[in-house]
Amino acid sequence: MAVDATVAPTTARRSLGEVLGVVFGPVGQLLAFIVGSAASLSLIVVVLALILSPAQPDMMQRVLIILPQVIIDGLVRGFLFATIALGYTMVYGVLEFINFAHGEIFMIGGVVGATVSFLLVSAGTLESVPPLVFVLLVILVAMAFCGILAVTVERIAYRPLRNAPRLVPLISAIGMSLILQDLARLVMTSTPLGFNARYQTPNFGQPIQLFTMEVGERSVPVILIPRDLIFIVAATIMLVVLNYVVNATKLGKAIRATAQDMPTASLMGIDVNRIIALTFLIGGALGGAAGALFGLRIGTVNPYMGLIPGLKAFTAAVLGGIGNITGAMVGGVVLGFLEAFVAAYLSIFTAGNFSGAAYADVAAFSILILLLIFRPSGLLGEATTQKV
């Protein structure tokens, strides 16, 4: 006991360096996977272009011309999947069940953003709102609404079933998913929003030219659309803040303790119900922000837009290591790059016989299956044993 007394004061408070390491260490891992995924897939398509060049002399030029834009598209897709996947992985880490209603939380975030946009248009103030203020407004409103909605779903549909067999809350989650879809459809079709709601925004300005790449005799400008830049920056900020909350605060310590051993955490004075509700609040807020940003990027939202991104985000969470926050980020980025490269290059390499956009999901999920065959716990997951 004397040893514990002397150690406690030195471990109770972390130094600034330790906090920065805990917060930005996972960001470094994410950056490494971004660079590694982009470089590996770029090398693969260049090698394939070299192999096919004798039959199609312009193959290499066609591949290189679109390569930078494909990387940017993959990065945006990856951050979308990562932001949604965080909600799945946080809930699984604490309760060890899959919240399949999370895709609909994402969808409702997009609907909330479109509603804010519609109200601003109706008031005639949309064009006078600075773009940055508009983005902050829709993100904050979507986060608040979806966070509260996620807590409500947990209280109504999950908490009464917490001690039931695992299949029961899973079925409840699927039921909540369908309920939220139909509620959103009812609200949208009975209001001026309509089934496919337009997501109007202020003018974000012209595309940003990053650099010019020389390919043969052509100069190819590499551009970044402001909406994509906003998505990447906002998603990065949210991921860093979440890392800080989970790894460097008392709330994060309570969340990790609850995830590790719920009964013991309760005995140590942690309000388990409150921590689980806060976990749903954080996950729902992130899903809502992702939905608002996604709608802002594509320009329209509908009640069923959460299904496919939700499934892909769940897949990203499994790929990275379900229950691992950094793994969710990494899995999202890897899946985003896989999809972007397949969508862009499959048609080129098959001489138009297969549409890349149509087969992107098939190819990406086939590669995912192969990865999980050799690493079932995911890229950053660890093999675990059942607690008894």
Protein backbone atom coordinates (compact mmCIF):
# COMPACT_ATOMS: atom_id res chain seq x y z
CA MET A 1 0.00 0.00 0.00
CA ALA A 2 2.91 2.33 0.67
CA VAL A 3 4.03 1.90 -2.91
CA ASP A 4 0.55 2.80 -4.18
CA ALA A 5 0.56 5.94 -2.08
CA THR A 6 3.83 7.13 -3.53
CA VAL A 7 2.98 6.23 -7.11
CA ALA A 8 -0.48 7.80 -7.18
CA PRO A 9 0.64 11.48 -7.13
CA THR A 10 2.98 10.92 -10.08
CA THR A 11 0.42 9.09 -12.20
CA ALA A 12 -2.65 11.16 -11.32
CA ARG A 13 -1.77 13.95 -13.75
CA ARG A 14 -0.17 13.49 -17.13
CA SER A 15 2.43 15.84 -18.51
CA LEU A 16 1.68 17.90 -21.61
CA GLY A 17 3.98 15.68 -23.64
CA GLU A 18 2.13 12.54 -22.57
CA VAL A 19 -1.25 14.10 -23.39
CA LEU A 20 -0.03 15.18 -26.84
CA GLY A 21 1.35 11.71 -27.41
CA VAL A 22 -1.93 10.07 -26.45
CA VAL A 23 -4.00 12.46 -28.57
CA PHE A 24 -1.82 12.76 -31.67
CA GLY A 25 -0.26 9.29 -31.62
CA PRO A 26 -3.37 7.75 -33.23
CA VAL A 27 -3.43 10.65 -35.70
CA GLY A 28 0.11 9.69 -36.69
CA GLN A 29 -1.06 6.11 -37.22
CA LEU A 30 -3.92 7.37 -39.36
CA LEU A 31 -1.57 9.53 -41.42
CA ALA A 32 0.74 6.56 -41.94
CA PHE A 33 -2.15 4.46 -43.24
CA ILE A 34 -3.30 7.30 -45.50
CA VAL A 35 0.12 7.62 -47.08
CA GLY A 36 0.64 3.86 -47.19
CA SER A 37 -2.76 3.12 -48.75
CA ALA A 38 -2.44 5.88 -51.35
CA ALA A 39 1.13 4.86 -52.25
CA SER A 40 0.38 1.12 -52.40
CA LEU A 41 -2.72 1.46 -54.56
CA SER A 42 -1.00 4.01 -56.80
CA LEU A 43 1.89 1.60 -57.31
CA ILE A 44 -0.53 -1.21 -58.17
CA VAL A 45 -2.37 0.80 -60.83
CA VAL A 46 0.91 2.03 -62.34
CA VAL A 47 2.23 -1.55 -62.56
CA LEU A 48 -1.03 -2.69 -64.17
CA ALA A 49 -0.78 0.19 -66.62
CA LEU A 50 2.76 -0.87 -67.54
CA ILE A 51 1.60 -4.45 -68.11
CA LEU A 52 -1.29 -3.34 -70.33
CA SER A 53 0.61 -0.61 -72.18
CA PRO A 54 1.67 -2.82 -75.16
CA ALA A 55 -2.00 -3.41 -76.00
CA GLN A 56 -3.08 0.16 -75.19
CA PRO A 57 -0.24 2.66 -75.72
CA ASP A 58 -2.07 5.54 -74.01
CA MET A 59 -2.86 3.49 -70.89
CA MET A 60 -0.17 5.01 -68.65
CA GLN A 61 -1.16 8.55 -69.57
CA ARG A 62 -4.83 7.87 -68.84
CA VAL A 63 -3.94 6.36 -65.48
CA LEU A 64 -1.65 9.19 -64.36
CA ILE A 65 -3.96 12.00 -65.47
CA ILE A 66 -6.68 11.08 -62.97
CA LEU A 67 -4.47 9.64 -60.21
CA PRO A 68 -4.25 12.75 -57.97
CA GLN A 69 -8.01 13.31 -58.12
CA VAL A 70 -8.63 9.65 -57.31
CA ILE A 71 -6.45 9.99 -54.20
CA ILE A 72 -8.39 13.09 -53.09
CA ASP A 73 -11.71 11.31 -53.70
CA GLY A 74 -10.49 8.31 -51.71
CA LEU A 75 -9.47 10.57 -48.83
CA VAL A 76 -12.90 12.22 -48.70
CA ARG A 77 -14.70 8.87 -48.86
CA GLY A 78 -12.39 7.49 -46.19
CA PHE A 79 -13.07 10.32 -43.76
CA LEU A 80 -16.81 9.89 -44.34
CA PHE A 81 -16.66 6.18 -43.48
CA ALA A 82 -14.33 6.86 -40.54
CA THR A 83 -16.59 9.49 -38.98
CA ILE A 84 -19.64 7.21 -39.16
CA ALA A 85 -17.65 4.14 -38.05
CA LEU A 86 -16.67 5.85 -34.80
CA GLY A 87 -20.28 5.64 -33.61
CA TYR A 88 -20.39 1.90 -34.30
CA THR A 89 -17.08 1.18 -32.63
CA MET A 90 -17.76 3.28 -29.51
CA VAL A 91 -21.07 1.55 -28.82
CA TYR A 92 -19.58 -1.87 -29.51
CA GLY A 93 -16.61 -1.10 -27.26
CA VAL A 94 -18.93 -0.39 -24.32
CA LEU A 95 -21.93 -2.69 -24.87
CA GLU A 96 -20.53 -5.26 -27.34
CA PHE A 97 -23.46 -5.05 -29.71
CA ILE A 98 -23.89 -3.45 -33.14
CA ASN A 99 -26.11 -0.38 -33.26
CA PHE A 100 -27.55 -0.85 -36.74
CA ALA A 101 -29.70 2.26 -36.27
CA HIS A 102 -26.55 4.37 -36.49
CA GLY A 103 -26.79 4.63 -40.28
CA GLU A 104 -30.18 6.30 -39.82
CA ILE A 105 -28.71 8.70 -37.25
CA PHE A 106 -26.28 9.68 -40.02
CA MET A 107 -29.20 10.11 -42.45
CA ILE A 108 -31.10 12.30 -40.01
CA GLY A 109 -28.01 14.49 -39.64
CA GLY A 110 -28.23 15.15 -43.37
CA VAL A 111 -31.96 15.88 -43.11
CA VAL A 112 -31.35 18.31 -40.24
CA GLY A 113 -28.69 20.08 -42.30
CA ALA A 114 -31.06 20.33 -45.26
CA THR A 115 -33.76 21.69 -42.94
CA VAL A 116 -31.45 24.42 -41.65
CA SER A 117 -30.58 25.26 -45.24
CA PHE A 118 -34.28 25.36 -46.21
CA LEU A 119 -35.11 27.68 -43.31
CA LEU A 120 -32.31 30.05 -44.28
CA VAL A 121 -33.50 30.05 -47.89
CA SER A 122 -37.09 30.71 -46.79
CA ALA A 123 -35.89 33.63 -44.67
CA GLY A 124 -33.88 34.97 -47.62
CA THR A 125 -30.65 35.01 -45.62
CA LEU A 126 -28.73 32.04 -47.04
CA GLU A 127 -26.54 34.03 -49.44
CA SER A 128 -25.69 36.60 -46.77
CA VAL A 129 -24.42 33.95 -44.35
CA PRO A 130 -20.62 33.48 -44.54
CA PRO A 131 -19.82 29.93 -45.75
CA LEU A 132 -17.80 29.08 -42.61
CA VAL A 133 -20.64 30.24 -40.34
CA PHE A 134 -23.09 28.16 -42.39
CA VAL A 135 -20.94 25.04 -42.06
CA LEU A 136 -20.52 25.53 -38.30
CA LEU A 137 -24.26 26.13 -37.92
CA VAL A 138 -25.40 22.98 -39.75
CA ILE A 139 -22.76 20.83 -38.03
CA LEU A 140 -23.61 22.05 -34.53
CA VAL A 141 -27.39 21.76 -35.03
CA ALA A 142 -27.04 18.28 -36.57
CA MET A 143 -24.70 17.16 -33.77
CA ALA A 144 -27.06 18.42 -31.06
CA PHE A 145 -30.19 16.90 -32.62
CA CYS A 146 -28.63 13.54 -33.50
CA GLY A 147 -26.81 13.24 -30.19
CA ILE A 148 -30.08 13.70 -28.29
CA LEU A 149 -31.84 11.32 -30.68
CA ALA A 150 -29.18 8.64 -30.12
CA VAL A 151 -29.54 8.97 -26.34
CA THR A 152 -33.32 8.67 -26.71
CA VAL A 153 -32.96 5.54 -28.84
CA GLU A 154 -30.63 4.01 -26.22
CA ARG A 155 -33.07 4.79 -23.41
CA ILE A 156 -36.13 3.42 -25.21
CA ALA A 157 -34.84 0.54 -27.33
CA TYR A 158 -31.57 -0.68 -25.78
CA ARG A 159 -31.43 -0.06 -22.04
CA PRO A 160 -34.41 -2.31 -21.17
CA LEU A 161 -32.72 -5.11 -23.14
CA ARG A 162 -29.22 -4.70 -21.74
CA ASN A 163 -29.25 -8.02 -19.90
CA ALA A 164 -31.14 -9.89 -22.61
CA PRO A 165 -29.42 -12.33 -25.02
CA ARG A 166 -27.30 -10.44 -27.56
CA LEU A 167 -29.60 -11.27 -30.47
CA VAL A 168 -32.49 -9.37 -28.84
CA PRO A 169 -30.94 -5.85 -28.81
CA LEU A 170 -29.63 -6.53 -32.32
CA ILE A 171 -33.19 -7.10 -33.54
CA SER A 172 -34.27 -4.00 -31.61
CA ALA A 173 -31.56 -2.00 -33.41
CA ILE A 174 -32.79 -3.18 -36.81
CA GLY A 175 -36.33 -2.25 -35.79
CA MET A 176 -35.23 1.24 -34.72
CA SER A 177 -33.44 1.62 -38.05
CA LEU A 178 -36.66 0.97 -39.95
CA ILE A 179 -38.68 3.21 -37.62
CA LEU A 180 -36.27 6.13 -38.08
CA GLN A 181 -36.30 5.65 -41.86
CA ASP A 182 -40.08 5.78 -42.04
CA LEU A 183 -40.32 8.69 -39.59
CA ALA A 184 -37.87 10.67 -41.71
CA ARG A 185 -39.82 9.77 -44.87
CA LEU A 186 -43.09 10.84 -43.23
CA VAL A 187 -41.69 14.18 -42.10
CA MET A 188 -39.95 14.93 -45.39
CA THR A 189 -42.87 14.04 -47.65
CA SER A 190 -45.38 15.96 -45.52
CA THR A 191 -43.29 19.16 -45.48
CA PRO A 192 -41.86 21.39 -48.23
CA LEU A 193 -38.55 19.50 -47.96
CA GLY A 194 -39.85 16.65 -50.13
CA PHE A 195 -38.52 13.12 -50.50
CA ASN A 196 -35.26 14.26 -52.16
CA ALA A 197 -34.52 17.40 -50.18
CA ARG A 198 -32.21 19.94 -51.78
CA TYR A 199 -29.28 20.93 -49.61
CA GLN A 200 -28.68 24.51 -50.69
CA THR A 201 -25.53 26.25 -49.54
CA PRO A 202 -23.81 29.63 -49.85
CA ASN A 203 -21.23 30.02 -52.59
CA PHE A 204 -18.04 28.35 -51.38
CA GLY A 205 -15.93 29.87 -54.13
CA GLN A 206 -13.94 28.42 -56.99
CA PRO A 207 -12.06 25.10 -56.85
CA ILE A 208 -8.57 25.38 -55.37
CA GLN A 209 -5.73 24.45 -57.73
CA LEU A 210 -3.15 22.59 -55.66
CA PHE A 211 -0.53 22.10 -58.35
CA THR A 212 -0.06 21.26 -62.02
CA MET A 213 1.22 17.85 -63.07
CA GLU A 214 3.01 17.26 -66.36
CA VAL A 215 1.83 14.06 -68.07
CA GLY A 216 3.45 13.65 -71.46
CA GLU A 217 2.74 16.85 -73.34
CA ARG A 218 -0.23 17.76 -71.19
CA SER A 219 -0.38 19.93 -68.08
CA VAL A 220 -3.00 18.52 -65.74
CA PRO A 221 -4.24 20.82 -62.94
CA VAL A 222 -4.92 19.06 -59.65
CA ILE A 223 -7.85 20.77 -57.93
CA LEU A 224 -9.61 20.48 -54.59
CA ILE A 225 -13.27 21.45 -54.35
CA PRO A 226 -13.92 23.69 -51.31
CA ARG A 227 -16.68 21.33 -50.11
CA ASP A 228 -14.19 18.45 -50.04
CA LEU A 229 -11.67 20.58 -48.15
CA ILE A 230 -14.35 21.49 -45.59
CA PHE A 231 -15.23 17.81 -45.17
CA ILE A 232 -11.61 16.76 -44.65
CA VAL A 233 -10.81 19.57 -42.19
CA ALA A 234 -14.04 19.13 -40.18
CA ALA A 235 -13.64 15.36 -39.99
CA THR A 236 -10.01 15.69 -38.91
CA ILE A 237 -10.92 18.14 -36.13
CA MET A 238 -13.67 15.83 -34.87
CA LEU A 239 -11.34 12.84 -34.85
CA VAL A 240 -8.67 14.75 -32.89
CA VAL A 241 -11.20 16.06 -30.36
CA LEU A 242 -12.66 12.57 -29.89
CA ASN A 243 -9.19 11.17 -29.34
CA TYR A 244 -8.59 13.78 -26.67
CA VAL A 245 -11.91 13.12 -24.93
CA VAL A 246 -11.47 9.34 -24.88
CA ASN A 247 -7.77 9.18 -24.05
CA ALA A 248 -7.00 12.27 -21.97
CA THR A 249 -10.07 13.16 -19.87
CA LYS A 250 -11.88 11.73 -16.85
CA LEU A 251 -14.91 11.05 -19.03
CA GLY A 252 -12.75 9.08 -21.42
CA LYS A 253 -11.25 7.11 -18.53
CA ALA A 254 -14.77 6.30 -17.32
CA ILE A 255 -15.80 5.19 -20.82
CA ARG A 256 -12.75 2.93 -21.09
CA ALA A 257 -13.34 1.51 -17.62
CA THR A 258 -16.98 0.76 -18.45
CA ALA A 259 -15.93 -0.90 -21.69
CA GLN A 260 -13.32 -2.99 -19.85
CA ASP A 261 -15.53 -4.27 -17.04
CA MET A 262 -18.99 -2.78 -16.48
CA PRO A 263 -19.79 -4.41 -13.10
CA THR A 264 -16.41 -3.44 -11.61
CA ALA A 265 -16.71 0.10 -12.98
CA SER A 266 -20.10 0.38 -11.27
CA LEU A 267 -18.61 -0.84 -7.97
CA MET A 268 -15.86 1.79 -8.27
CA GLY A 269 -18.47 4.56 -8.30
CA ILE A 270 -18.92 5.11 -12.03
CA ASP A 271 -22.51 5.79 -13.09
CA VAL A 272 -22.64 3.18 -15.84
CA ASN A 273 -26.01 4.29 -17.23
CA ARG A 274 -24.77 7.87 -17.53
CA ILE A 275 -21.54 6.78 -19.24
CA ILE A 276 -23.42 4.62 -21.74
CA ALA A 277 -25.81 7.50 -22.47
CA LEU A 278 -22.85 9.83 -23.02
CA THR A 279 -21.25 7.26 -25.32
CA PHE A 280 -24.41 7.24 -27.42
CA LEU A 281 -24.48 11.04 -27.30
CA ILE A 282 -20.94 11.31 -28.65
CA GLY A 283 -21.45 8.61 -31.29
CA GLY A 284 -24.76 10.11 -32.40
CA ALA A 285 -23.29 13.61 -32.58
CA LEU A 286 -20.45 12.37 -34.79
CA GLY A 287 -22.92 10.52 -37.03
CA GLY A 288 -25.07 13.63 -37.30
CA ALA A 289 -22.08 15.79 -38.21
CA ALA A 290 -21.04 13.28 -40.86
CA GLY A 291 -24.57 13.31 -42.31
CA ALA A 292 -24.66 17.11 -42.42
CA LEU A 293 -21.27 17.23 -44.16
CA PHE A 294 -22.21 14.45 -46.58
CA GLY A 295 -25.43 16.23 -47.58
CA LEU A 296 -23.50 19.47 -47.99
CA ARG A 297 -21.12 17.69 -50.35
CA ILE A 298 -23.65 15.86 -52.56
CA GLY A 299 -26.41 18.50 -52.53
CA THR A 300 -29.45 16.29 -51.79
CA VAL A 301 -30.64 14.04 -48.96
CA ASN A 302 -33.36 11.38 -48.72
CA PRO A 303 -34.67 9.01 -46.02
CA TYR A 304 -32.75 6.02 -47.36
CA MET A 305 -29.32 7.57 -47.85
CA GLY A 306 -28.02 6.15 -44.56
CA LEU A 307 -28.29 2.47 -45.48
CA ILE A 308 -25.28 1.96 -47.75
CA PRO A 309 -22.88 4.42 -46.03
CA GLY A 310 -23.94 2.89 -42.70
CA LEU A 311 -23.13 -0.65 -43.87
CA LYS A 312 -19.81 0.51 -45.32
CA ALA A 313 -18.93 2.36 -42.12
CA PHE A 314 -19.73 -0.77 -40.10
CA THR A 315 -17.49 -2.68 -42.49
CA ALA A 316 -14.77 -0.07 -41.96
CA ALA A 317 -15.08 -0.50 -38.18
CA VAL A 318 -14.66 -4.27 -38.56
CA LEU A 319 -11.77 -3.82 -40.99
CA GLY A 320 -9.92 -1.54 -38.58
CA GLY A 321 -10.75 -3.63 -35.50
CA ILE A 322 -14.23 -3.28 -34.00
CA GLY A 323 -14.09 -1.50 -30.64
CA ASN A 324 -10.82 0.26 -31.53
CA ILE A 325 -11.29 4.00 -32.19
CA THR A 326 -8.08 4.41 -34.15
CA GLY A 327 -8.95 1.22 -36.01
CA ALA A 328 -12.30 2.73 -37.08
CA MET A 329 -10.46 5.70 -38.56
CA VAL A 330 -7.92 3.51 -40.32
CA GLY A 331 -10.56 1.10 -41.62
CA GLY A 332 -12.59 3.98 -43.03
CA VAL A 333 -9.59 5.43 -44.84
CA VAL A 334 -8.51 2.06 -46.29
CA LEU A 335 -12.03 1.26 -47.50
CA GLY A 336 -12.40 4.76 -48.96
CA PHE A 337 -9.21 4.41 -50.98
CA LEU A 338 -10.18 0.92 -52.18
CA GLU A 339 -13.54 2.16 -53.40
CA ALA A 340 -12.13 5.25 -55.09
CA PHE A 341 -9.41 3.35 -56.96
CA VAL A 342 -11.73 0.57 -58.11
CA ALA A 343 -14.41 3.04 -59.22
CA ALA A 344 -11.90 5.06 -61.22
CA TYR A 345 -9.70 2.37 -62.77
CA LEU A 346 -11.74 -0.81 -63.24
CA SER A 347 -13.37 0.52 -66.40
CA ILE A 348 -10.01 1.66 -67.79
CA PHE A 349 -8.24 -1.65 -67.16
CA THR A 350 -11.12 -3.73 -68.58
CA ALA A 351 -11.50 -1.56 -71.71
CA GLY A 352 -14.98 -0.50 -70.60
CA ASN A 353 -16.33 -4.03 -70.13
CA PHE A 354 -16.93 -3.43 -66.41
CA SER A 355 -18.10 -0.15 -64.95
CA GLY A 356 -15.94 0.87 -62.03
CA ALA A 357 -18.77 2.67 -60.27
CA ALA A 358 -21.05 -0.37 -60.57
CA TYR A 359 -18.47 -2.88 -59.33
CA ALA A 360 -16.62 -0.74 -56.77
CA ASP A 361 -18.50 -2.27 -53.85
CA VAL A 362 -17.96 -5.83 -55.13
CA ALA A 363 -14.23 -5.37 -55.58
CA ALA A 364 -13.71 -3.44 -52.35
CA PHE A 365 -15.63 -5.99 -50.26
CA SER A 366 -13.82 -8.89 -51.95
CA ILE A 367 -10.50 -7.37 -50.92
CA LEU A 368 -11.93 -6.79 -47.45
CA ILE A 369 -12.88 -10.47 -47.14
CA LEU A 370 -9.36 -11.49 -48.11
CA LEU A 371 -7.87 -9.14 -45.52
CA LEU A 372 -10.13 -10.47 -42.77
CA ILE A 373 -9.36 -14.08 -43.71
CA PHE A 374 -5.71 -13.45 -42.87
CA ARG A 375 -6.38 -11.00 -40.02
CA PRO A 376 -9.82 -11.68 -38.50
CA SER A 377 -9.39 -9.16 -35.69
CA GLY A 378 -8.89 -6.30 -38.16
CA LEU A 379 -5.91 -4.12 -39.01
CA LEU A 380 -5.47 -2.71 -35.49
CA GLY A 381 -7.63 -5.13 -33.49
CA GLU A 382 -6.28 -7.61 -31.02
CA ALA A 383 -7.43 -11.16 -30.47
CA THR A 384 -9.56 -11.33 -27.33
CA THR A 385 -10.91 -14.11 -25.17
CA GLN A 386 -14.40 -14.32 -23.74
CA LYS A 387 -14.57 -13.03 -20.16
CA VAL A 388 -16.11 -15.50 -17.70
